[in-house]
N, C-alpha and C. Protein backbone atom coordinates (compact mmCIF):
# COMPACT_ATOMS: atom_id res chain seq x y z
N MET A 1 -26.22 -2.16 5.95
CA MET A 1 -25.29 -1.47 6.70
C MET A 1 -24.63 -0.19 6.81
N GLY A 2 -24.61 0.21 8.16
CA GLY A 2 -24.08 1.82 7.66
C GLY A 2 -22.59 1.98 7.63
N ASP A 3 -22.46 3.24 7.33
CA ASP A 3 -21.15 3.76 6.95
C ASP A 3 -20.38 3.52 8.51
N SER A 4 -20.89 3.85 9.63
CA SER A 4 -19.70 3.56 10.91
C SER A 4 -19.92 2.47 11.20
N TYR A 5 -20.77 1.88 11.43
CA TYR A 5 -20.61 0.01 11.47
C TYR A 5 -19.80 -0.60 10.08
N SER A 6 -19.82 -0.02 9.11
CA SER A 6 -18.78 -0.83 8.19
C SER A 6 -17.49 -0.55 8.69
N LYS A 7 -17.44 0.72 8.88
CA LYS A 7 -15.76 0.61 9.14
C LYS A 7 -15.38 0.50 10.64
N GLN A 8 -16.37 -0.20 11.79
CA GLN A 8 -16.52 -0.45 12.69
C GLN A 8 -15.58 -1.86 12.40
N ARG A 9 -16.54 -2.97 11.61
CA ARG A 9 -16.32 -4.10 11.52
C ARG A 9 -14.85 -4.50 10.64
N ALA A 10 -14.46 -3.16 9.68
CA ALA A 10 -13.07 -3.19 8.81
C ALA A 10 -12.51 -2.79 10.09
N MET A 11 -12.26 -2.24 10.87
CA MET A 11 -11.32 -2.00 11.89
C MET A 11 -11.11 -3.18 13.13
N GLU A 12 -11.84 -3.90 12.96
CA GLU A 12 -12.04 -5.07 13.94
C GLU A 12 -11.74 -6.23 13.41
N SER A 13 -11.23 -6.09 11.76
CA SER A 13 -10.81 -7.62 11.12
C SER A 13 -9.41 -7.32 11.01
N PRO A 14 -8.52 -8.48 11.32
CA PRO A 14 -7.25 -8.40 10.83
C PRO A 14 -6.90 -8.78 9.21
N GLU A 15 -8.12 -9.03 8.56
CA GLU A 15 -7.89 -9.11 7.20
C GLU A 15 -7.66 -7.66 6.44
N THR A 16 -8.12 -6.74 7.11
CA THR A 16 -8.43 -5.37 6.28
C THR A 16 -7.01 -5.12 5.80
N MET A 17 -6.75 -4.43 4.50
CA MET A 17 -5.84 -4.10 4.31
C MET A 17 -5.28 -2.34 4.51
N ALA A 18 -4.02 -2.58 4.26
CA ALA A 18 -3.60 -1.06 4.86
C ALA A 18 -4.13 -0.05 4.15
N THR A 19 -4.70 0.33 2.98
CA THR A 19 -4.95 0.93 2.28
C THR A 19 -6.37 1.42 2.50
N VAL A 20 -7.14 0.25 3.04
CA VAL A 20 -8.26 0.58 3.63
C VAL A 20 -8.00 1.35 4.83
N VAL A 21 -7.50 0.91 5.38
CA VAL A 21 -7.13 1.11 7.41
C VAL A 21 -6.60 2.73 6.69
N HIS A 22 -5.99 3.15 5.75
CA HIS A 22 -5.30 4.17 5.42
C HIS A 22 -6.71 5.30 5.13
N ALA A 23 -7.24 4.83 4.50
CA ALA A 23 -8.14 5.79 3.98
C ALA A 23 -9.71 5.78 5.33
N ILE A 24 -9.54 4.82 5.96
CA ILE A 24 -10.58 4.61 6.91
C ILE A 24 -9.92 6.07 7.94
N VAL A 25 -8.51 5.74 8.50
CA VAL A 25 -8.28 6.99 9.51
C VAL A 25 -8.12 8.18 9.13
N ARG A 26 -8.02 8.17 7.73
CA ARG A 26 -7.88 9.78 7.13
C ARG A 26 -9.40 10.19 6.97
N ASN A 27 -10.19 9.72 6.63
CA ASN A 27 -11.25 9.86 6.46
C ASN A 27 -12.32 10.19 7.91
N VAL A 28 -12.09 9.28 9.08
CA VAL A 28 -12.42 9.82 10.26
C VAL A 28 -11.69 10.68 11.01
N LEU A 29 -10.36 10.79 11.07
CA LEU A 29 -9.81 11.63 11.92
C LEU A 29 -9.01 13.02 11.04
N GLY A 30 -8.97 12.76 10.04
CA GLY A 30 -8.42 13.67 9.23
C GLY A 30 -7.05 13.76 8.99
N GLU A 31 -5.84 14.63 8.33
CA GLU A 31 -4.66 14.36 8.23
C GLU A 31 -3.98 14.59 9.31
N GLU A 32 -4.17 15.45 10.34
CA GLU A 32 -3.43 15.48 11.55
C GLU A 32 -2.79 13.93 12.27
N ALA A 33 -3.78 13.11 11.92
CA ALA A 33 -3.51 11.94 12.35
C ALA A 33 -2.19 11.35 12.06
N TYR A 34 -2.05 11.85 11.21
CA TYR A 34 -0.44 11.89 10.31
C TYR A 34 0.99 11.95 11.52
N ASP A 35 0.39 12.73 12.89
CA ASP A 35 1.67 13.34 13.59
C ASP A 35 1.06 12.71 15.16
N TRP A 36 0.32 11.78 14.94
CA TRP A 36 -0.15 10.96 16.35
C TRP A 36 0.39 9.26 16.42
N ASP A 37 0.81 9.41 17.64
CA ASP A 37 1.11 7.75 17.89
C ASP A 37 0.10 7.00 17.76
N PRO A 38 0.28 5.38 17.55
CA PRO A 38 -0.85 4.48 17.63
C PRO A 38 -1.76 4.59 18.58
N LEU A 39 -1.17 4.87 20.14
CA LEU A 39 -2.31 4.68 21.32
C LEU A 39 -3.45 5.71 21.20
N THR A 40 -2.93 6.97 20.18
CA THR A 40 -3.73 8.33 20.33
C THR A 40 -4.58 8.10 19.40
N ILE A 41 -4.02 7.42 18.10
CA ILE A 41 -5.03 6.87 17.20
C ILE A 41 -6.17 5.88 17.54
N ALA A 42 -5.51 4.67 18.60
CA ALA A 42 -6.47 3.71 18.53
C ALA A 42 -7.95 4.33 19.53
N LEU A 43 -7.53 5.53 20.75
CA LEU A 43 -8.34 6.15 21.43
C LEU A 43 -9.21 6.90 20.78
N GLU A 44 -8.55 7.89 19.56
CA GLU A 44 -9.49 8.72 18.98
C GLU A 44 -10.89 7.74 17.90
N LEU A 45 -10.09 6.70 17.44
CA LEU A 45 -11.21 5.55 16.96
C LEU A 45 -12.23 5.06 17.76
N ARG A 46 -11.73 4.79 18.79
CA ARG A 46 -12.47 4.46 20.03
C ARG A 46 -13.70 5.21 20.21
N ASP A 47 -13.26 6.90 20.29
CA ASP A 47 -14.32 7.66 20.28
C ASP A 47 -14.96 7.78 19.36
N GLU A 48 -14.80 8.13 18.37
CA GLU A 48 -15.50 8.27 16.88
C GLU A 48 -15.98 7.11 16.41
N LEU A 49 -15.41 6.07 16.42
CA LEU A 49 -16.57 4.65 15.94
C LEU A 49 -17.00 3.79 16.91
N HIS A 50 -16.44 4.11 18.03
CA HIS A 50 -16.79 3.05 19.13
C HIS A 50 -16.11 1.42 18.63
N VAL A 51 -14.77 1.56 19.08
CA VAL A 51 -14.49 0.61 18.12
C VAL A 51 -12.91 0.09 18.68
N GLU A 52 -12.77 -1.29 18.57
CA GLU A 52 -11.10 -1.32 19.44
C GLU A 52 -10.73 -2.13 18.19
N PRO A 53 -9.59 -1.24 17.75
CA PRO A 53 -9.12 -1.60 16.64
C PRO A 53 -8.13 -3.01 16.79
N VAL A 54 -7.99 -4.06 16.10
CA VAL A 54 -7.09 -5.15 16.26
C VAL A 54 -5.86 -4.47 15.90
N SER A 55 -4.54 -5.43 16.66
CA SER A 55 -3.38 -4.81 16.26
C SER A 55 -2.73 -4.80 15.02
N GLN A 56 -3.31 -5.90 13.99
CA GLN A 56 -2.76 -5.87 12.71
C GLN A 56 -3.40 -4.47 12.12
N ALA A 57 -4.58 -4.22 12.13
CA ALA A 57 -5.02 -2.43 11.83
C ALA A 57 -4.24 -1.52 12.00
N LEU A 58 -3.70 -1.74 13.11
CA LEU A 58 -3.13 -0.12 14.00
C LEU A 58 -1.73 -0.57 13.25
N ASP A 59 -0.84 -1.58 13.06
CA ASP A 59 0.35 -2.05 12.54
C ASP A 59 0.41 -1.41 10.99
N ARG A 60 -0.59 -1.75 10.52
CA ARG A 60 -0.78 -1.47 9.06
C ARG A 60 -0.99 0.28 8.92
N TRP A 61 -1.82 0.73 9.78
CA TRP A 61 -2.32 1.87 9.89
C TRP A 61 -0.18 2.56 10.18
N SER A 62 0.11 2.22 11.09
CA SER A 62 1.82 2.50 11.54
C SER A 62 2.62 2.36 10.24
N ALA A 63 2.93 1.87 9.35
CA ALA A 63 3.18 1.46 8.17
C ALA A 63 3.25 2.36 7.36
N MET A 64 1.47 2.67 6.62
CA MET A 64 1.25 4.07 5.98
C MET A 64 1.91 4.97 6.56
N GLN A 65 1.55 5.61 7.92
CA GLN A 65 2.12 6.47 8.23
C GLN A 65 3.68 6.66 8.32
N ILE A 66 4.39 5.68 8.38
CA ILE A 66 5.65 5.87 7.99
C ILE A 66 6.10 6.03 6.35
N VAL A 67 5.14 5.49 5.44
CA VAL A 67 4.94 5.37 4.20
C VAL A 67 4.95 7.03 3.66
N MET A 68 3.85 7.75 4.56
CA MET A 68 3.01 8.78 4.14
C MET A 68 4.03 9.84 4.86
N THR A 69 4.99 9.75 5.11
CA THR A 69 5.37 10.98 6.03
C THR A 69 7.00 10.88 5.98
N SER A 70 7.64 10.05 5.42
CA SER A 70 8.74 10.33 5.27
C SER A 70 9.34 8.93 4.16
N ASP A 71 10.81 9.13 3.48
CA ASP A 71 11.24 8.45 2.73
C ASP A 71 11.63 7.32 3.36
N ALA A 72 11.89 6.75 4.39
CA ALA A 72 12.36 5.66 4.72
C ALA A 72 12.08 4.42 4.02
N PHE A 73 11.11 3.98 3.69
CA PHE A 73 10.42 3.04 2.70
C PHE A 73 11.45 2.91 1.47
N PHE A 74 11.85 3.93 1.07
CA PHE A 74 12.86 3.95 -0.25
C PHE A 74 14.38 3.62 0.30
N THR A 75 14.54 4.40 1.36
CA THR A 75 16.00 4.35 1.38
C THR A 75 16.51 3.59 2.37
N ARG A 76 15.95 3.26 3.06
CA ARG A 76 16.38 2.19 4.49
C ARG A 76 16.19 0.77 4.10
N LEU A 77 16.76 -0.21 4.01
CA LEU A 77 16.49 -1.62 3.79
C LEU A 77 15.86 -2.25 4.94
N ASP A 78 16.05 -1.73 5.93
CA ASP A 78 15.09 -2.18 7.37
C ASP A 78 13.89 -1.90 7.23
N ALA A 79 13.62 -0.52 7.01
CA ALA A 79 12.37 -0.02 6.87
C ALA A 79 11.37 -0.99 5.49
N PHE A 80 12.11 -0.93 4.55
CA PHE A 80 11.44 -1.38 3.46
C PHE A 80 11.13 -2.82 3.59
N MET A 81 11.85 -3.58 4.81
CA MET A 81 11.26 -4.91 5.06
C MET A 81 10.16 -5.31 5.97
N GLY A 82 10.46 -4.07 6.94
CA GLY A 82 9.24 -4.19 7.96
C GLY A 82 8.54 -3.81 7.83
N ILE A 83 8.14 -2.77 6.37
CA ILE A 83 6.90 -2.20 6.01
C ILE A 83 6.30 -3.18 4.99
N ALA A 84 7.10 -3.85 4.25
CA ALA A 84 6.71 -4.81 3.15
C ALA A 84 6.26 -6.06 4.47
N ASN A 85 6.58 -6.52 5.17
CA ASN A 85 5.94 -7.49 6.13
C ASN A 85 4.83 -7.32 6.63
N THR A 86 4.49 -5.75 7.26
CA THR A 86 3.37 -5.18 7.63
C THR A 86 2.11 -5.12 6.73
N LEU A 87 2.46 -4.71 5.48
CA LEU A 87 1.58 -4.72 4.83
C LEU A 87 0.62 -5.78 4.16
N THR A 88 1.68 -6.92 4.06
CA THR A 88 1.19 -8.05 3.82
C THR A 88 0.60 -8.96 4.82
N GLU A 89 1.28 -9.11 5.77
CA GLU A 89 1.30 -9.90 7.11
C GLU A 89 0.09 -9.25 8.17
N GLY A 90 0.54 -7.95 8.32
CA GLY A 90 -0.23 -7.06 9.31
C GLY A 90 0.41 -7.10 10.52
N GLN A 91 2.18 -7.57 10.45
CA GLN A 91 2.46 -7.52 11.61
C GLN A 91 4.09 -7.17 11.05
N PRO A 92 4.58 -6.20 11.82
CA PRO A 92 6.05 -5.80 11.18
C PRO A 92 7.32 -6.51 11.51
N PHE A 93 7.34 -7.72 12.55
CA PHE A 93 8.35 -8.88 12.39
C PHE A 93 9.92 -8.10 12.71
N PHE A 94 9.99 -6.81 13.28
CA PHE A 94 11.03 -6.21 13.50
C PHE A 94 12.10 -6.91 14.27
N ALA A 95 11.07 -7.48 15.42
CA ALA A 95 12.19 -8.27 16.48
C ALA A 95 13.00 -9.62 15.85
N VAL A 96 12.50 -10.02 14.76
CA VAL A 96 13.34 -10.99 14.21
C VAL A 96 13.72 -10.97 12.82
N PHE A 97 14.37 -11.60 12.08
CA PHE A 97 14.66 -11.26 10.93
C PHE A 97 13.87 -12.26 10.02
N ASP A 98 13.20 -11.44 8.96
CA ASP A 98 11.89 -12.33 8.59
C ASP A 98 12.21 -11.69 6.79
N PRO A 99 12.67 -12.79 5.99
CA PRO A 99 13.25 -12.08 4.66
C PRO A 99 12.15 -11.82 4.11
N VAL A 100 11.71 -10.39 3.01
CA VAL A 100 10.61 -10.53 2.57
C VAL A 100 10.52 -11.05 1.09
N THR A 101 9.95 -11.72 0.82
CA THR A 101 9.71 -12.58 -0.66
C THR A 101 9.46 -11.75 -1.63
N VAL A 102 9.76 -12.12 -2.85
CA VAL A 102 9.30 -11.92 -3.80
C VAL A 102 7.80 -10.98 -4.05
N GLU A 103 7.17 -11.64 -3.68
CA GLU A 103 5.67 -11.26 -3.79
C GLU A 103 5.11 -10.53 -2.92
N GLU A 104 6.22 -10.60 -1.78
CA GLU A 104 5.59 -9.57 -0.61
C GLU A 104 6.31 -8.01 -0.88
N ALA A 105 7.53 -8.47 -1.59
CA ALA A 105 8.22 -7.05 -2.01
C ALA A 105 7.26 -6.48 -2.80
N ALA A 106 6.95 -7.17 -3.96
CA ALA A 106 5.75 -6.92 -5.23
C ALA A 106 4.66 -5.99 -4.86
N TRP A 107 4.27 -6.43 -3.58
CA TRP A 107 2.64 -5.75 -3.43
C TRP A 107 3.04 -4.73 -2.70
N ALA A 108 4.25 -4.55 -1.33
CA ALA A 108 4.74 -3.63 -0.79
C ALA A 108 4.76 -2.07 -1.92
N ILE A 109 5.14 -2.30 -2.94
CA ILE A 109 5.55 -1.49 -3.86
C ILE A 109 4.59 -1.23 -4.66
N ALA A 110 3.55 -2.31 -4.67
CA ALA A 110 2.40 -1.76 -5.47
C ALA A 110 1.42 -0.80 -4.46
N GLU A 111 0.89 -1.31 -3.45
CA GLU A 111 0.35 -0.61 -2.32
C GLU A 111 0.65 0.49 -1.97
N VAL A 112 2.50 0.77 -2.22
CA VAL A 112 2.59 2.20 -1.78
C VAL A 112 2.57 2.87 -2.93
N SER A 113 2.34 2.55 -3.90
CA SER A 113 2.10 3.16 -5.35
C SER A 113 0.73 3.82 -5.30
N LEU A 114 -0.18 3.05 -4.74
CA LEU A 114 -1.38 3.46 -5.11
C LEU A 114 -1.93 4.46 -3.75
N ASN A 115 -0.79 5.00 -2.60
CA ASN A 115 -1.07 5.94 -1.37
C ASN A 115 -0.30 7.02 -1.83
N ARG A 116 0.72 7.14 -2.68
CA ARG A 116 1.78 8.30 -2.77
C ARG A 116 2.56 8.25 -3.71
N GLU A 117 3.16 9.25 -4.28
CA GLU A 117 4.37 9.27 -4.87
C GLU A 117 5.56 8.40 -4.87
N LEU A 118 5.77 7.53 -5.83
CA LEU A 118 6.92 6.62 -5.02
C LEU A 118 8.66 7.71 -5.64
N LEU A 119 9.27 7.11 -4.67
CA LEU A 119 10.90 7.99 -4.71
C LEU A 119 11.95 6.88 -5.33
N PRO A 120 12.73 7.42 -5.43
CA PRO A 120 13.90 6.17 -6.67
C PRO A 120 14.14 5.52 -4.72
N PHE A 121 14.54 4.13 -5.40
CA PHE A 121 15.06 3.72 -4.38
C PHE A 121 16.54 3.08 -4.20
N SER A 122 16.79 3.17 -2.79
CA SER A 122 18.34 2.99 -2.72
C SER A 122 19.06 1.56 -3.36
N TYR A 123 20.19 1.83 -3.06
CA TYR A 123 21.10 0.75 -3.77
C TYR A 123 20.92 -0.37 -2.48
N PRO A 124 20.82 -0.64 -1.58
CA PRO A 124 20.85 -1.51 -0.32
C PRO A 124 19.25 -2.38 -1.02
N ILE A 125 18.26 -1.76 -0.94
CA ILE A 125 16.73 -2.12 -1.57
C ILE A 125 17.13 -2.79 -2.69
N LYS A 126 17.70 -2.20 -3.91
CA LYS A 126 17.56 -2.99 -5.11
C LYS A 126 18.40 -3.82 -4.93
N LYS A 127 19.71 -3.93 -4.75
CA LYS A 127 20.47 -5.39 -4.13
C LYS A 127 19.78 -6.13 -3.83
N TYR A 128 19.07 -5.99 -2.51
CA TYR A 128 18.25 -7.40 -1.51
C TYR A 128 17.14 -7.76 -3.17
N LEU A 129 16.38 -6.85 -3.36
CA LEU A 129 15.60 -7.54 -4.42
C LEU A 129 15.98 -7.90 -5.56
N LYS A 130 17.58 -7.81 -6.30
CA LYS A 130 17.93 -8.33 -7.40
C LYS A 130 18.11 -9.82 -6.72
N ILE A 131 18.83 -10.05 -5.31
CA ILE A 131 18.94 -11.46 -5.03
C ILE A 131 18.04 -12.25 -4.90
N MET A 132 16.48 -11.69 -4.35
CA MET A 132 15.41 -12.28 -4.37
C MET A 132 14.89 -12.60 -5.08
N LEU A 133 15.43 -11.89 -6.41
CA LEU A 133 14.30 -12.29 -7.52
C LEU A 133 15.11 -13.18 -8.45
N ALA A 134 16.73 -13.88 -8.34
CA ALA A 134 17.70 -14.28 -9.06
C ALA A 134 17.26 -15.72 -8.29
N LYS A 135 16.90 -15.47 -6.87
CA LYS A 135 16.72 -16.42 -6.04
C LYS A 135 15.43 -17.41 -6.86
N ASP A 136 14.22 -16.84 -7.14
CA ASP A 136 13.32 -17.42 -7.75
C ASP A 136 13.10 -17.28 -9.35
N GLY A 137 14.12 -17.43 -9.80
CA GLY A 137 14.22 -17.95 -10.78
C GLY A 137 14.28 -16.90 -12.32
N TYR A 138 14.19 -15.38 -11.57
CA TYR A 138 14.27 -14.10 -12.43
C TYR A 138 15.02 -13.66 -12.95
N SER A 139 15.39 -13.53 -14.28
CA SER A 139 16.74 -12.61 -15.05
C SER A 139 16.33 -11.06 -14.89
N GLU A 140 17.52 -10.30 -15.27
CA GLU A 140 17.10 -9.02 -15.02
C GLU A 140 16.37 -8.65 -16.21
N GLY A 141 16.54 -9.29 -17.14
CA GLY A 141 15.58 -8.81 -18.19
C GLY A 141 14.47 -9.69 -18.42
N ASN A 142 13.68 -9.75 -17.50
CA ASN A 142 12.53 -10.77 -17.30
C ASN A 142 12.19 -10.95 -15.75
N TYR A 143 12.17 -9.54 -15.15
CA TYR A 143 11.45 -9.25 -14.02
C TYR A 143 9.74 -8.84 -13.97
N PRO A 144 9.34 -9.87 -12.97
CA PRO A 144 7.64 -9.02 -13.22
C PRO A 144 7.51 -7.50 -13.63
N SER A 145 6.60 -6.79 -14.01
CA SER A 145 6.38 -5.37 -14.71
C SER A 145 6.54 -4.64 -13.03
N ILE A 146 5.83 -4.78 -12.31
CA ILE A 146 6.28 -4.18 -10.85
C ILE A 146 7.58 -3.71 -10.65
N PHE A 147 8.35 -4.66 -10.85
CA PHE A 147 9.51 -4.21 -10.58
C PHE A 147 10.49 -3.01 -11.33
N ASN A 148 9.98 -3.39 -12.88
CA ASN A 148 10.48 -2.30 -13.98
C ASN A 148 11.04 -1.47 -13.40
N GLU A 149 10.20 -0.01 -12.71
CA GLU A 149 10.40 1.07 -12.43
C GLU A 149 11.32 1.19 -11.21
N VAL A 150 11.56 -0.18 -10.58
CA VAL A 150 11.98 0.05 -9.30
C VAL A 150 13.77 0.56 -9.64
N PHE A 151 14.13 0.04 -10.93
CA PHE A 151 15.31 -0.18 -11.07
C PHE A 151 15.94 0.56 -12.12
N GLU A 152 14.88 1.69 -12.43
CA GLU A 152 15.12 2.91 -12.95
C GLU A 152 15.58 4.16 -12.06
N ARG A 153 15.93 4.94 -12.47
CA ARG A 153 16.76 6.09 -12.04
C ARG A 153 15.72 6.74 -11.20
N LYS A 154 14.11 7.10 -11.92
CA LYS A 154 13.09 7.79 -11.10
C LYS A 154 11.75 6.94 -11.32
N PRO A 155 11.47 6.10 -10.52
CA PRO A 155 10.17 5.26 -10.76
C PRO A 155 8.89 6.45 -11.28
N ASP A 156 8.37 5.70 -12.19
CA ASP A 156 7.47 6.38 -12.87
C ASP A 156 5.80 5.61 -12.52
N LEU A 157 5.23 6.25 -11.62
CA LEU A 157 4.28 5.97 -11.21
C LEU A 157 2.97 5.79 -11.75
N LEU A 158 2.82 6.52 -12.63
CA LEU A 158 2.03 6.36 -14.10
C LEU A 158 1.81 5.16 -14.59
N GLU A 159 3.19 4.85 -14.95
CA GLU A 159 3.55 3.76 -15.56
C GLU A 159 2.98 2.19 -14.98
N ILE A 160 3.53 2.54 -13.35
CA ILE A 160 2.93 1.29 -12.35
C ILE A 160 1.37 1.22 -11.99
N ARG A 161 0.62 2.18 -12.32
CA ARG A 161 -0.59 2.16 -12.23
C ARG A 161 -1.34 1.34 -13.55
N LYS A 162 -0.74 2.07 -14.16
CA LYS A 162 -1.15 1.33 -16.02
C LYS A 162 -0.94 -0.02 -15.47
N GLU A 163 0.40 -0.43 -15.44
CA GLU A 163 0.43 -1.91 -15.39
C GLU A 163 -0.54 -2.34 -14.49
N LEU A 164 -0.42 -2.14 -13.41
CA LEU A 164 -1.52 -2.64 -12.31
C LEU A 164 -3.06 -2.97 -12.57
N SER A 165 -3.34 -1.90 -13.69
CA SER A 165 -4.64 -2.26 -14.27
C SER A 165 -4.85 -3.19 -15.59
N ASN A 166 -4.13 -3.52 -15.91
CA ASN A 166 -3.38 -4.40 -17.10
C ASN A 166 -3.61 -5.99 -16.66
N PRO A 167 -5.00 -6.38 -17.04
CA PRO A 167 -4.75 -8.22 -16.38
C PRO A 167 -4.49 -9.13 -17.44
N ASP A 168 -3.92 -8.44 -18.75
CA ASP A 168 -3.19 -9.56 -19.58
C ASP A 168 -1.80 -9.94 -19.20
N ASN A 169 -1.61 -10.94 -19.37
CA ASN A 169 0.06 -11.45 -19.27
C ASN A 169 0.41 -11.30 -18.11
N LYS A 170 -0.24 -11.81 -17.22
CA LYS A 170 0.51 -11.38 -15.78
C LYS A 170 0.88 -12.74 -15.54
N ASN A 171 2.21 -12.70 -14.40
CA ASN A 171 2.58 -14.10 -14.22
C ASN A 171 2.47 -14.10 -12.78
N ASN A 172 3.27 -14.95 -11.73
CA ASN A 172 2.37 -15.57 -10.73
C ASN A 172 2.27 -14.09 -9.48
N VAL A 173 3.60 -13.19 -9.55
CA VAL A 173 3.44 -12.32 -9.19
C VAL A 173 2.72 -11.64 -9.62
N GLU A 174 2.49 -11.04 -10.25
CA GLU A 174 1.46 -10.00 -11.00
C GLU A 174 -0.14 -10.36 -10.74
N SER A 175 -0.01 -12.27 -10.73
CA SER A 175 -1.54 -12.65 -10.39
C SER A 175 -1.75 -12.31 -8.93
N PHE A 176 -1.01 -12.28 -7.86
CA PHE A 176 -0.96 -12.48 -6.18
C PHE A 176 -1.50 -10.91 -6.31
N ILE A 177 -0.57 -9.64 -7.05
CA ILE A 177 -1.16 -8.61 -6.71
C ILE A 177 -2.30 -8.24 -7.50
N ASP A 178 -2.68 -8.85 -8.41
CA ASP A 178 -4.35 -8.82 -8.82
C ASP A 178 -5.14 -8.88 -8.04
N GLU A 179 -4.90 -10.01 -6.87
CA GLU A 179 -5.71 -10.42 -6.17
C GLU A 179 -6.04 -9.78 -5.06
N GLN A 180 -4.41 -8.99 -4.65
CA GLN A 180 -4.57 -7.95 -3.58
C GLN A 180 -5.54 -6.90 -3.96
N LEU A 181 -5.19 -6.17 -5.36
CA LEU A 181 -6.19 -5.42 -5.50
C LEU A 181 -7.87 -5.49 -5.02
N LYS A 182 -8.14 -6.47 -5.97
CA LYS A 182 -9.67 -7.19 -5.75
C LYS A 182 -10.06 -7.36 -4.16
N ASP A 183 -9.20 -7.03 -3.76
CA ASP A 183 -9.26 -7.67 -2.05
C ASP A 183 -9.70 -6.25 -1.30
N ILE A 184 -8.96 -5.06 -2.05
CA ILE A 184 -8.93 -3.83 -1.36
C ILE A 184 -10.32 -3.46 -1.93
N VAL A 185 -10.42 -3.64 -3.40
CA VAL A 185 -12.03 -2.95 -3.76
C VAL A 185 -12.77 -3.43 -3.06
N TYR A 186 -12.83 -5.08 -2.78
CA TYR A 186 -14.18 -5.91 -1.87
C TYR A 186 -14.39 -4.90 -1.00
N GLN A 187 -12.98 -4.71 -0.04
CA GLN A 187 -13.64 -4.04 1.22
C GLN A 187 -13.63 -2.47 1.36
N LEU A 188 -13.03 -1.77 0.21
CA LEU A 188 -13.50 -0.22 0.31
C LEU A 188 -15.40 -0.45 -0.18
N ASN A 189 -15.94 -1.28 -1.02
CA ASN A 189 -17.23 -1.32 -1.38
C ASN A 189 -18.17 -1.36 -0.52
N LYS A 190 -17.15 -1.95 0.94
CA LYS A 190 -18.50 -2.32 1.73
C LYS A 190 -18.51 -1.51 2.90
N ILE A 191 -17.90 -0.16 2.21
CA ILE A 191 -17.96 1.41 3.62
C ILE A 191 -18.60 1.96 2.49
N PRO A 192 -19.47 2.67 2.58
CA PRO A 192 -20.62 3.66 1.78
C PRO A 192 -19.78 4.91 1.30
N SER A 193 -19.27 5.67 2.68
CA SER A 193 -17.95 6.67 1.95
C SER A 193 -16.79 6.46 1.60
N LEU A 194 -16.52 5.18 1.22
CA LEU A 194 -15.15 4.99 0.59
C LEU A 194 -15.28 4.43 -0.56
N HIS A 195 -16.50 3.75 -0.98
CA HIS A 195 -16.42 2.74 -2.20
C HIS A 195 -16.26 3.52 -3.70
N GLU A 196 -16.46 4.77 -3.44
CA GLU A 196 -15.93 5.54 -5.13
C GLU A 196 -14.26 5.48 -5.00
N LEU A 197 -13.57 5.16 -3.80
CA LEU A 197 -12.01 5.18 -4.19
C LEU A 197 -11.71 4.17 -4.62
N ASP A 198 -12.36 2.87 -5.50
CA ASP A 198 -12.14 1.90 -6.11
C ASP A 198 -11.68 2.50 -7.60
N ASP A 199 -12.48 3.20 -8.01
CA ASP A 199 -12.29 4.08 -9.30
C ASP A 199 -10.75 4.56 -9.54
N ILE A 200 -10.91 5.14 -8.19
CA ILE A 200 -9.50 6.19 -7.96
C ILE A 200 -8.48 5.57 -7.83
N ILE A 201 -8.20 4.24 -7.19
CA ILE A 201 -7.05 3.88 -7.51
C ILE A 201 -6.62 2.62 -8.60
N LEU A 202 -8.06 2.03 -8.56
CA LEU A 202 -7.75 0.90 -9.77
C LEU A 202 -8.17 1.16 -11.40
N ARG A 203 -9.09 2.13 -11.62
CA ARG A 203 -9.84 2.14 -12.94
C ARG A 203 -9.48 3.19 -13.81
N ARG A 204 -8.69 4.53 -12.91
CA ARG A 204 -8.28 5.46 -13.79
C ARG A 204 -7.20 5.30 -14.59
N SER A 205 -7.47 5.60 -16.34
CA SER A 205 -6.41 5.41 -16.93
C SER A 205 -5.35 6.30 -17.13
N MET A 206 -4.09 6.40 -17.65
CA MET A 206 -3.31 7.37 -17.07
C MET A 206 -3.49 8.68 -18.10
N ASN A 207 -4.28 8.63 -19.20
CA ASN A 207 -4.62 10.23 -19.54
C ASN A 207 -5.84 10.67 -18.70
N GLU A 208 -6.93 9.98 -18.27
CA GLU A 208 -7.09 10.69 -16.90
C GLU A 208 -6.93 11.15 -15.69
N TYR A 209 -5.74 10.32 -15.07
CA TYR A 209 -4.90 10.84 -14.05
C TYR A 209 -3.91 11.87 -14.66
N VAL A 210 -3.28 11.71 -15.68
CA VAL A 210 -2.77 13.15 -15.93
C VAL A 210 -3.79 14.56 -16.13
N SER A 211 -4.86 14.05 -16.79
CA SER A 211 -5.72 15.52 -17.25
C SER A 211 -5.74 15.87 -15.29
N THR A 212 -6.35 15.23 -14.74
CA THR A 212 -6.72 15.34 -13.17
C THR A 212 -5.49 16.03 -12.74
N ALA A 213 -4.27 15.64 -12.76
CA ALA A 213 -2.79 16.38 -12.47
C ALA A 213 -2.89 17.46 -12.56
N VAL A 214 -2.95 17.96 -14.11
CA VAL A 214 -2.99 18.98 -14.44
C VAL A 214 -3.72 20.07 -14.48
N ASN A 215 -5.03 19.61 -13.95
CA ASN A 215 -6.17 20.58 -13.62
C ASN A 215 -5.96 20.87 -12.42
N LYS A 216 -5.61 20.22 -11.05
CA LYS A 216 -5.24 20.65 -10.32
C LYS A 216 -4.36 21.66 -10.15
N GLU A 217 -3.05 21.68 -10.81
CA GLU A 217 -1.80 22.30 -10.85
C GLU A 217 -2.12 23.80 -11.52
N ASN A 218 -3.38 23.74 -12.04
CA ASN A 218 -3.82 24.91 -12.51
C ASN A 218 -4.86 25.72 -11.94
N LYS A 219 -5.18 24.97 -10.93
CA LYS A 219 -6.21 25.51 -9.88
C LYS A 219 -5.76 26.73 -9.16
């Protein structure tokens, strides 16, 4: 299966994860794609890959575009909820109120952490998450690990990535995240030019990540 064909199939599937869509668009169109509207993205992908991207893929790209170019996911509750819905379901649901579940919020935080540095979350987002966690029976001392850093003053991306790669002691939320991560790896591995990204996303230890960051700073 050729690289272009694999990318075509991915962009035609409503099941393609946002991280994979993000990687494809960046790989095919470059960083300037962050400045383009969805119609331009669709036209450029049609020219480059001879594909008509499904709406879910374009919506997930739009969500990642907001994540990568603004702080809205971290500061605005409406943006947090819209992006969380989109990353999980492929549709933003801005037209109606669609509460974000604990699993959807957990996955949104996890997937965003795979693509960029996390910023501190605003009070309204933290309050919403605490309400939803309490409704699901979680106490403040017993949150799923993905939420631990959210309620700290400054989220620690390295700690979150380390937790995501640890298969032990997972509750239902963490098992859901684990399955989503496996889907990302499976999808990336089907695209020859992107299959190495699973190592970057999932298999780098904290020491490897820190070493890479230090080396970049010294260059």
